[in-house]
Amino acid sequence: MSAKHLLYFTATDHYVYRWSRRALALEARFTADDAGALEFREYLRGKRRALFYLVADLAGEDFHEDQIPYLRGGDRQAVIDVGTGFLQAHAGKLALETDAISK
């Protein structure tokens, strides 16, 4: 069975807790700067088979819930497609930013 870990990200630090049964034990702490990102990357290389859960407590994080009005057929699908396109555009931007950070 894969080891479970909880990643807890704040604006200043990143924590890794080992999750066993009903207890969490701090396994590692990384700063939220370039040096911490490099250390975190090296840490993850040694945990290829581990299972990770992520909790982010960052400034500016947002949660959005979209509700679709009662629509049928093509109208409903058109509203879903517009929302999906918006999410894909922002996910692509995030991927580019993440890639730029990792270089």
C-alpha atoms as a PDB file:
ATOM      1  CA  MET A   1       0.000   0.000   0.000  1.00  0.00           C
ATOM      2  CA  SER A   2       1.295   3.467  -0.895  1.00  0.00           C
ATOM      3  CA  ALA A   3       2.251   5.831   1.884  1.00  0.00           C
ATOM      4  CA  LYS A   4      -0.196   8.706   2.358  1.00  0.00           C
ATOM      5  CA  HIS A   5       0.950  12.286   2.803  1.00  0.00           C
ATOM      6  CA  LEU A   6      -0.783  15.605   3.349  1.00  0.00           C
ATOM      7  CA  LEU A   7       0.716  18.659   1.671  1.00  0.00           C
ATOM      8  CA  TYR A   8      -0.194  21.880   3.457  1.00  0.00           C
ATOM      9  CA  PHE A   9       0.785  24.998   1.509  1.00  0.00           C
ATOM     10  CA  THR A  10       0.773  28.483   3.011  1.00  0.00           C
ATOM     11  CA  ALA A  11       2.103  31.706   1.551  1.00  0.00           C
ATOM     12  CA  THR A  12       5.337  31.367   3.541  1.00  0.00           C
ATOM     13  CA  ASP A  13       5.947  27.623   3.996  1.00  0.00           C
ATOM     14  CA  HIS A  14       5.050  24.209   2.610  1.00  0.00           C
ATOM     15  CA  TYR A  15       4.594  21.325   5.026  1.00  0.00           C
ATOM     16  CA  VAL A  16       4.546  17.590   4.361  1.00  0.00           C
ATOM     17  CA  TYR A  17       2.799  15.402   6.909  1.00  0.00           C
ATOM     18  CA  ARG A  18       2.917  11.609   6.893  1.00  0.00           C
ATOM     19  CA  TRP A  19      -0.630  10.330   7.282  1.00  0.00           C
ATOM     20  CA  SER A  20      -1.026   7.094   9.176  1.00  0.00           C
ATOM     21  CA  ARG A  21      -4.372   5.902  10.476  1.00  0.00           C
ATOM     22  CA  ARG A  22      -5.699   8.820  12.511  1.00  0.00           C
ATOM     23  CA  ALA A  23      -2.467  10.717  13.066  1.00  0.00           C
ATOM     24  CA  LEU A  24      -0.400  13.220  11.114  1.00  0.00           C
ATOM     25  CA  ALA A  25       3.320  13.541  11.718  1.00  0.00           C
ATOM     26  CA  LEU A  26       5.383  16.377  10.289  1.00  0.00           C
ATOM     27  CA  GLU A  27       7.868  14.857   7.870  1.00  0.00           C
ATOM     28  CA  ALA A  28       9.309  17.899   6.097  1.00  0.00           C
ATOM     29  CA  ARG A  29       9.035  21.681   5.832  1.00  0.00           C
ATOM     30  CA  PHE A  30      10.045  23.826   2.867  1.00  0.00           C
ATOM     31  CA  THR A  31      10.154  27.587   2.454  1.00  0.00           C
ATOM     32  CA  ALA A  32       8.020  29.193  -0.244  1.00  0.00           C
ATOM     33  CA  ASP A  33      10.963  30.562  -2.210  1.00  0.00           C
ATOM     34  CA  ASP A  34      13.121  29.244  -5.045  1.00  0.00           C
ATOM     35  CA  ALA A  35      15.399  27.302  -2.709  1.00  0.00           C
ATOM     36  CA  GLY A  36      12.401  25.693  -1.009  1.00  0.00           C
ATOM     37  CA  ALA A  37      10.922  24.757  -4.397  1.00  0.00           C
ATOM     38  CA  LEU A  38      14.153  22.987  -5.359  1.00  0.00           C
ATOM     39  CA  GLU A  39      14.270  21.130  -2.041  1.00  0.00           C
ATOM     40  CA  PHE A  40      10.602  20.174  -2.427  1.00  0.00           C
ATOM     41  CA  ARG A  41      11.227  18.843  -5.943  1.00  0.00           C
ATOM     42  CA  GLU A  42      14.082  16.674  -4.669  1.00  0.00           C
ATOM     43  CA  TYR A  43      11.898  15.421  -1.828  1.00  0.00           C
ATOM     44  CA  LEU A  44       9.145  14.414  -4.269  1.00  0.00           C
ATOM     45  CA  ARG A  45      11.607  12.507  -6.473  1.00  0.00           C
ATOM     46  CA  GLY A  46      12.075  10.082  -3.603  1.00  0.00           C
ATOM     47  CA  LYS A  47       8.319   9.600  -3.153  1.00  0.00           C
ATOM     48  CA  ARG A  48       7.230   8.428  -6.608  1.00  0.00           C
ATOM     49  CA  ARG A  49       4.787   5.807  -5.315  1.00  0.00           C
ATOM     50  CA  ALA A  50       3.354   7.881  -2.466  1.00  0.00           C
ATOM     51  CA  LEU A  51      -0.179   9.250  -2.415  1.00  0.00           C
ATOM     52  CA  PHE A  52      -0.527  12.979  -1.701  1.00  0.00           C
ATOM     53  CA  TYR A  53      -3.464  15.121  -0.616  1.00  0.00           C
ATOM     54  CA  LEU A  54      -3.206  18.892  -0.915  1.00  0.00           C
ATOM     55  CA  VAL A  55      -4.568  21.668   1.313  1.00  0.00           C
ATOM     56  CA  ALA A  56      -3.791  25.222   0.176  1.00  0.00           C
ATOM     57  CA  ASP A  57      -4.132  28.186   2.508  1.00  0.00           C
ATOM     58  CA  LEU A  58      -2.906  30.958   0.228  1.00  0.00           C
ATOM     59  CA  ALA A  59      -3.772  34.626  -0.039  1.00  0.00           C
ATOM     60  CA  GLY A  60      -6.048  35.299  -2.967  1.00  0.00           C
ATOM     61  CA  GLU A  61      -7.358  31.759  -3.265  1.00  0.00           C
ATOM     62  CA  ASP A  62     -10.908  31.707  -4.517  1.00  0.00           C
ATOM     63  CA  PHE A  63     -13.707  29.210  -4.651  1.00  0.00           C
ATOM     64  CA  HIS A  64     -16.323  29.635  -7.331  1.00  0.00           C
ATOM     65  CA  GLU A  65     -19.494  27.678  -7.762  1.00  0.00           C
ATOM     66  CA  ASP A  66     -21.306  28.050 -11.036  1.00  0.00           C
ATOM     67  CA  GLN A  67     -24.953  27.199 -11.210  1.00  0.00           C
ATOM     68  CA  ILE A  68     -26.528  26.470 -14.544  1.00  0.00           C
ATOM     69  CA  PRO A  69     -30.131  27.574 -14.940  1.00  0.00           C
ATOM     70  CA  TYR A  70     -32.686  25.022 -16.048  1.00  0.00           C
ATOM     71  CA  LEU A  71     -31.992  24.588 -19.727  1.00  0.00           C
ATOM     72  CA  ARG A  72     -32.518  21.737 -22.133  1.00  0.00           C
ATOM     73  CA  GLY A  73     -30.747  20.282 -25.114  1.00  0.00           C
ATOM     74  CA  GLY A  74     -28.363  22.448 -27.098  1.00  0.00           C
ATOM     75  CA  ASP A  75     -28.801  25.521 -24.874  1.00  0.00           C
ATOM     76  CA  ARG A  76     -27.589  23.663 -21.784  1.00  0.00           C
ATOM     77  CA  GLN A  77     -24.627  22.215 -23.671  1.00  0.00           C
ATOM     78  CA  ALA A  78     -23.706  25.670 -25.015  1.00  0.00           C
ATOM     79  CA  VAL A  79     -23.560  27.093 -21.470  1.00  0.00           C
ATOM     80  CA  ILE A  80     -21.413  24.145 -20.311  1.00  0.00           C
ATOM     81  CA  ASP A  81     -19.079  24.544 -23.300  1.00  0.00           C
ATOM     82  CA  VAL A  82     -18.557  28.255 -22.565  1.00  0.00           C
ATOM     83  CA  GLY A  83     -17.686  27.466 -18.936  1.00  0.00           C
ATOM     84  CA  THR A  84     -15.363  24.630 -19.934  1.00  0.00           C
ATOM     85  CA  GLY A  85     -13.528  26.869 -22.408  1.00  0.00           C
ATOM     86  CA  PHE A  86     -13.016  29.474 -19.686  1.00  0.00           C
ATOM     87  CA  LEU A  87     -11.578  26.865 -17.291  1.00  0.00           C
ATOM     88  CA  GLN A  88      -9.297  25.398 -19.936  1.00  0.00           C
ATOM     89  CA  ALA A  89      -7.932  28.841 -20.803  1.00  0.00           C
ATOM     90  CA  HIS A  90      -7.095  29.541 -17.155  1.00  0.00           C
ATOM     91  CA  ALA A  91      -5.650  26.058 -16.598  1.00  0.00           C
ATOM     92  CA  GLY A  92      -3.341  26.615 -19.577  1.00  0.00           C
ATOM     93  CA  LYS A  93      -2.174  29.920 -18.107  1.00  0.00           C
ATOM     94  CA  LEU A  94      -1.498  28.252 -14.754  1.00  0.00           C
ATOM     95  CA  ALA A  95       0.472  25.483 -16.475  1.00  0.00           C
ATOM     96  CA  LEU A  96       2.635  28.078 -18.240  1.00  0.00           C
ATOM     97  CA  GLU A  97       3.274  29.931 -14.969  1.00  0.00           C
ATOM     98  CA  THR A  98       4.128  26.675 -13.183  1.00  0.00           C
ATOM     99  CA  ASP A  99       6.483  25.665 -15.981  1.00  0.00           C
ATOM    100  CA  ALA A 100       8.220  29.048 -15.822  1.00  0.00           C
ATOM    101  CA  ILE A 101       8.712  28.658 -12.059  1.00  0.00           C
ATOM    102  CA  SER A 102      10.165  25.167 -12.403  1.00  0.00           C
ATOM    103  CA  LYS A 103      12.889  26.318 -14.827  1.00  0.00           C
END
